[in-house]
Amino acid sequence: MKSSGPSRHVEVQALLILDRIAGSEAFEISVLLRSDGQFIGRTSLGIVAEEEQVVLSLRWDEPNHRFVASSQRPGAAPTESFVPFAARGAKVSCCVTATPHDA
């Protein structure tokens, strides 16, 4: 069924979380998603050592109604993780915030 009204806009906030692993120099990287103050989902992007370079990305996969989070180390294939989000008929935009956390 099609809606004749205007499409709604949904803003999703993505928080990049770095949790130091106790007794280690490594961090677990995860992404937490929320919209209008409501939790949508959280996904892990793996573990990285302190000062290790990694490229992180987040994109909206509209046809599959999900966010795709990925991490990639130089010279390696990306690791992808998915967070489903039901936003049919809505325009989705996302902003990212990085937050360091010590365990």
N, C-alpha and C. Protein backbone atom coordinates (compact mmCIF):
# COMPACT_ATOMS: atom_id res chain seq x y z
N MET A 1 0.85 -1.17 0.00
CA MET A 1 0.00 0.00 0.00
C MET A 1 0.90 1.23 0.00
N LYS A 2 0.64 2.16 -0.87
CA LYS A 2 1.43 3.38 -0.97
C LYS A 2 0.79 4.49 -0.15
N SER A 3 1.64 5.32 0.41
CA SER A 3 1.16 6.48 1.17
C SER A 3 1.18 7.68 0.26
N SER A 4 0.10 8.46 0.26
CA SER A 4 0.06 9.65 -0.58
C SER A 4 0.64 10.86 0.14
N GLY A 5 0.88 10.74 1.46
CA GLY A 5 1.43 11.85 2.23
C GLY A 5 2.94 11.94 2.07
N PRO A 6 3.53 13.01 2.61
CA PRO A 6 4.97 13.18 2.50
C PRO A 6 5.70 12.11 3.33
N SER A 7 6.90 11.74 2.85
CA SER A 7 7.67 10.75 3.60
C SER A 7 8.24 11.42 4.85
N ARG A 8 8.39 10.64 5.91
CA ARG A 8 8.92 11.18 7.15
C ARG A 8 10.44 11.04 7.16
N HIS A 9 11.07 11.85 7.98
CA HIS A 9 12.53 11.85 8.09
C HIS A 9 12.90 11.28 9.46
N VAL A 10 13.80 10.29 9.48
CA VAL A 10 14.25 9.68 10.71
C VAL A 10 15.73 9.94 10.86
N GLU A 11 16.12 10.55 11.98
CA GLU A 11 17.54 10.77 12.25
C GLU A 11 18.01 9.72 13.24
N VAL A 12 19.09 9.06 12.90
CA VAL A 12 19.66 8.02 13.73
C VAL A 12 21.03 8.48 14.19
N GLN A 13 21.29 8.34 15.48
CA GLN A 13 22.60 8.70 16.04
C GLN A 13 23.38 7.42 16.23
N ALA A 14 24.63 7.41 15.76
CA ALA A 14 25.52 6.26 15.93
C ALA A 14 26.63 6.67 16.88
N LEU A 15 26.78 5.91 17.95
CA LEU A 15 27.85 6.17 18.91
C LEU A 15 28.94 5.11 18.73
N LEU A 16 30.13 5.56 18.45
CA LEU A 16 31.28 4.68 18.32
C LEU A 16 31.86 4.49 19.71
N ILE A 17 31.91 3.25 20.18
CA ILE A 17 32.34 2.97 21.55
C ILE A 17 33.63 2.17 21.52
N LEU A 18 34.63 2.66 22.25
CA LEU A 18 35.90 1.97 22.41
C LEU A 18 36.00 1.54 23.87
N ASP A 19 35.86 0.25 24.12
CA ASP A 19 35.95 -0.28 25.48
C ASP A 19 37.31 -0.94 25.66
N ARG A 20 38.10 -0.40 26.59
CA ARG A 20 39.41 -1.01 26.87
C ARG A 20 39.17 -2.37 27.51
N ILE A 21 39.87 -3.37 27.03
CA ILE A 21 39.77 -4.71 27.58
C ILE A 21 40.65 -4.76 28.83
N ALA A 22 40.05 -5.14 29.96
CA ALA A 22 40.75 -5.14 31.25
C ALA A 22 42.05 -5.93 31.17
N GLY A 23 43.13 -5.33 31.67
CA GLY A 23 44.44 -5.97 31.70
C GLY A 23 45.11 -6.06 30.35
N SER A 24 44.66 -5.26 29.40
CA SER A 24 45.17 -5.33 28.03
C SER A 24 45.39 -3.93 27.48
N GLU A 25 46.14 -3.86 26.40
CA GLU A 25 46.31 -2.60 25.68
C GLU A 25 45.33 -2.52 24.50
N ALA A 26 44.41 -3.48 24.41
CA ALA A 26 43.49 -3.56 23.29
C ALA A 26 42.12 -2.97 23.65
N PHE A 27 41.36 -2.65 22.61
CA PHE A 27 40.01 -2.10 22.75
C PHE A 27 39.03 -2.93 21.94
N GLU A 28 37.83 -3.10 22.46
CA GLU A 28 36.74 -3.64 21.65
C GLU A 28 36.02 -2.45 21.04
N ILE A 29 35.80 -2.52 19.74
CA ILE A 29 35.09 -1.44 19.02
C ILE A 29 33.66 -1.90 18.79
N SER A 30 32.72 -1.04 19.14
CA SER A 30 31.33 -1.35 18.84
C SER A 30 30.60 -0.08 18.45
N VAL A 31 29.46 -0.26 17.81
CA VAL A 31 28.61 0.84 17.38
C VAL A 31 27.24 0.65 18.01
N LEU A 32 26.74 1.69 18.65
CA LEU A 32 25.41 1.68 19.24
C LEU A 32 24.56 2.67 18.45
N LEU A 33 23.38 2.24 18.05
CA LEU A 33 22.48 3.10 17.27
C LEU A 33 21.24 3.43 18.09
N ARG A 34 20.81 4.70 17.98
CA ARG A 34 19.58 5.11 18.64
C ARG A 34 18.88 6.18 17.80
N SER A 35 17.58 6.27 18.00
CA SER A 35 16.77 7.25 17.29
C SER A 35 15.72 7.78 18.25
N ASP A 36 15.58 9.09 18.31
CA ASP A 36 14.63 9.73 19.24
C ASP A 36 14.82 9.23 20.67
N GLY A 37 16.08 9.00 21.07
CA GLY A 37 16.38 8.55 22.42
C GLY A 37 16.13 7.08 22.67
N GLN A 38 15.66 6.35 21.66
CA GLN A 38 15.36 4.93 21.80
C GLN A 38 16.49 4.08 21.22
N PHE A 39 16.88 3.04 21.95
CA PHE A 39 17.91 2.11 21.51
C PHE A 39 17.42 1.32 20.30
N ILE A 40 18.25 1.26 19.25
CA ILE A 40 17.93 0.49 18.05
C ILE A 40 18.71 -0.83 18.05
N GLY A 41 20.01 -0.73 18.32
CA GLY A 41 20.84 -1.93 18.30
C GLY A 41 22.30 -1.58 18.55
N ARG A 42 23.07 -2.62 18.83
CA ARG A 42 24.50 -2.48 19.05
C ARG A 42 25.19 -3.64 18.36
N THR A 43 26.33 -3.37 17.74
CA THR A 43 27.08 -4.42 17.07
C THR A 43 28.56 -4.24 17.31
N SER A 44 29.27 -5.34 17.41
CA SER A 44 30.72 -5.30 17.63
C SER A 44 31.44 -5.28 16.30
N LEU A 45 32.54 -4.51 16.25
CA LEU A 45 33.38 -4.47 15.06
C LEU A 45 34.75 -5.08 15.31
N GLY A 46 34.89 -5.77 16.43
CA GLY A 46 36.14 -6.49 16.69
C GLY A 46 37.02 -5.80 17.71
N ILE A 47 38.23 -6.31 17.82
CA ILE A 47 39.20 -5.85 18.80
C ILE A 47 40.40 -5.27 18.07
N VAL A 48 40.89 -4.12 18.56
CA VAL A 48 42.08 -3.49 17.98
C VAL A 48 43.06 -3.17 19.10
N ALA A 49 44.33 -3.22 18.75
CA ALA A 49 45.38 -2.86 19.70
C ALA A 49 45.52 -1.34 19.76
N GLU A 50 46.03 -0.86 20.87
CA GLU A 50 46.28 0.58 21.00
C GLU A 50 47.23 1.01 19.90
N GLU A 51 46.92 2.11 19.22
CA GLU A 51 47.68 2.71 18.13
C GLU A 51 47.59 1.93 16.82
N GLU A 52 46.79 0.86 16.77
CA GLU A 52 46.58 0.14 15.51
C GLU A 52 45.65 0.96 14.63
N GLN A 53 45.96 1.00 13.34
CA GLN A 53 45.11 1.74 12.41
C GLN A 53 43.99 0.85 11.90
N VAL A 54 42.79 1.42 11.91
CA VAL A 54 41.63 0.72 11.38
C VAL A 54 40.67 1.76 10.81
N VAL A 55 40.07 1.45 9.67
CA VAL A 55 39.10 2.34 9.06
C VAL A 55 37.71 1.82 9.40
N LEU A 56 36.87 2.68 9.96
CA LEU A 56 35.52 2.32 10.35
C LEU A 56 34.53 3.04 9.44
N SER A 57 33.46 2.38 9.11
CA SER A 57 32.44 3.04 8.30
C SER A 57 31.05 2.56 8.72
N LEU A 58 30.07 3.40 8.43
CA LEU A 58 28.68 3.09 8.72
C LEU A 58 27.86 3.63 7.57
N ARG A 59 26.96 2.79 7.05
CA ARG A 59 26.10 3.25 5.96
C ARG A 59 24.71 2.65 6.12
N TRP A 60 23.72 3.32 5.55
CA TRP A 60 22.34 2.86 5.56
C TRP A 60 22.11 2.04 4.30
N ASP A 61 21.70 0.80 4.44
CA ASP A 61 21.39 -0.10 3.33
C ASP A 61 19.87 -0.10 3.18
N GLU A 62 19.37 0.86 2.40
CA GLU A 62 17.93 1.07 2.30
C GLU A 62 17.16 -0.15 1.79
N PRO A 63 17.61 -0.82 0.72
CA PRO A 63 16.84 -1.97 0.22
C PRO A 63 16.65 -3.09 1.26
N ASN A 64 17.62 -3.26 2.15
CA ASN A 64 17.56 -4.33 3.15
C ASN A 64 17.15 -3.82 4.53
N HIS A 65 16.83 -2.54 4.65
CA HIS A 65 16.37 -1.93 5.91
C HIS A 65 17.31 -2.25 7.06
N ARG A 66 18.59 -1.89 6.88
CA ARG A 66 19.58 -2.15 7.92
C ARG A 66 20.76 -1.19 7.78
N PHE A 67 21.47 -1.03 8.89
CA PHE A 67 22.73 -0.31 8.86
C PHE A 67 23.85 -1.32 8.69
N VAL A 68 24.86 -0.93 7.93
CA VAL A 68 26.03 -1.78 7.73
C VAL A 68 27.22 -1.06 8.35
N ALA A 69 27.77 -1.67 9.40
CA ALA A 69 28.96 -1.13 10.05
C ALA A 69 30.13 -2.00 9.61
N SER A 70 31.28 -1.38 9.34
CA SER A 70 32.43 -2.18 8.93
C SER A 70 33.71 -1.61 9.52
N SER A 71 34.67 -2.52 9.67
CA SER A 71 36.01 -2.14 10.09
C SER A 71 36.99 -2.80 9.13
N GLN A 72 38.08 -2.09 8.84
CA GLN A 72 39.06 -2.64 7.90
C GLN A 72 40.46 -2.20 8.30
N ARG A 73 41.33 -3.17 8.45
CA ARG A 73 42.74 -2.91 8.71
C ARG A 73 43.46 -2.78 7.38
N PRO A 74 44.56 -2.03 7.33
CA PRO A 74 45.30 -1.90 6.07
C PRO A 74 45.67 -3.26 5.49
N GLY A 75 45.37 -3.46 4.20
CA GLY A 75 45.72 -4.69 3.51
C GLY A 75 44.81 -5.87 3.79
N ALA A 76 43.76 -5.68 4.58
CA ALA A 76 42.85 -6.78 4.92
C ALA A 76 41.45 -6.50 4.37
N ALA A 77 40.68 -7.56 4.24
CA ALA A 77 39.29 -7.41 3.81
C ALA A 77 38.46 -6.80 4.95
N PRO A 78 37.43 -6.03 4.63
CA PRO A 78 36.60 -5.44 5.69
C PRO A 78 35.80 -6.51 6.42
N THR A 79 35.52 -6.24 7.70
CA THR A 79 34.63 -7.05 8.51
C THR A 79 33.34 -6.26 8.64
N GLU A 80 32.22 -6.86 8.23
CA GLU A 80 30.94 -6.17 8.27
C GLU A 80 30.02 -6.76 9.33
N SER A 81 29.19 -5.89 9.88
CA SER A 81 28.19 -6.27 10.87
C SER A 81 26.93 -5.48 10.56
N PHE A 82 25.77 -6.04 10.89
CA PHE A 82 24.51 -5.44 10.48
C PHE A 82 23.59 -5.17 11.66
N VAL A 83 22.85 -4.05 11.56
CA VAL A 83 21.84 -3.71 12.56
C VAL A 83 20.55 -3.42 11.80
N PRO A 84 19.55 -4.31 11.90
CA PRO A 84 18.28 -4.06 11.20
C PRO A 84 17.54 -2.87 11.79
N PHE A 85 16.80 -2.16 10.92
CA PHE A 85 16.04 -1.00 11.37
C PHE A 85 14.84 -0.82 10.45
N ALA A 86 13.65 -0.93 11.00
CA ALA A 86 12.42 -0.79 10.21
C ALA A 86 12.10 0.69 10.04
N ALA A 87 12.33 1.20 8.85
CA ALA A 87 12.05 2.61 8.56
C ALA A 87 11.42 2.72 7.18
N ARG A 88 10.48 1.85 6.90
CA ARG A 88 9.85 1.83 5.57
C ARG A 88 9.20 3.18 5.26
N GLY A 89 9.53 3.67 4.07
CA GLY A 89 8.95 4.93 3.62
C GLY A 89 9.57 6.16 4.24
N ALA A 90 10.58 5.99 5.09
CA ALA A 90 11.21 7.14 5.74
C ALA A 90 12.57 7.42 5.12
N LYS A 91 12.94 8.67 5.13
CA LYS A 91 14.29 9.06 4.73
C LYS A 91 15.14 8.98 5.99
N VAL A 92 16.23 8.21 5.93
CA VAL A 92 17.08 7.98 7.11
C VAL A 92 18.39 8.74 6.95
N SER A 93 18.78 9.46 7.99
CA SER A 93 20.10 10.09 8.00
C SER A 93 20.76 9.70 9.32
N CYS A 94 22.09 9.76 9.34
CA CYS A 94 22.81 9.28 10.51
C CYS A 94 23.96 10.22 10.84
N CYS A 95 24.17 10.44 12.14
CA CYS A 95 25.35 11.19 12.58
C CYS A 95 26.13 10.29 13.52
N VAL A 96 27.45 10.43 13.54
CA VAL A 96 28.33 9.55 14.31
C VAL A 96 29.02 10.34 15.41
N THR A 97 29.07 9.74 16.61
CA THR A 97 29.77 10.33 17.75
C THR A 97 30.74 9.31 18.31
N ALA A 98 31.99 9.69 18.54
CA ALA A 98 32.99 8.78 19.11
C ALA A 98 33.10 9.03 20.60
N THR A 99 33.09 7.94 21.39
CA THR A 99 33.14 8.04 22.84
C THR A 99 34.12 7.03 23.41
N PRO A 100 35.24 7.48 24.04
CA PRO A 100 36.16 6.52 24.67
C PRO A 100 35.62 6.08 26.03
N HIS A 101 35.76 4.78 26.32
CA HIS A 101 35.35 4.23 27.62
C HIS A 101 36.48 3.38 28.15
N ASP A 102 36.82 3.53 29.41
CA ASP A 102 37.81 2.65 30.05
C ASP A 102 37.07 1.64 30.90
N ALA A 103 37.51 0.38 30.80
CA ALA A 103 36.85 -0.67 31.60
C ALA A 103 37.51 -0.77 32.96
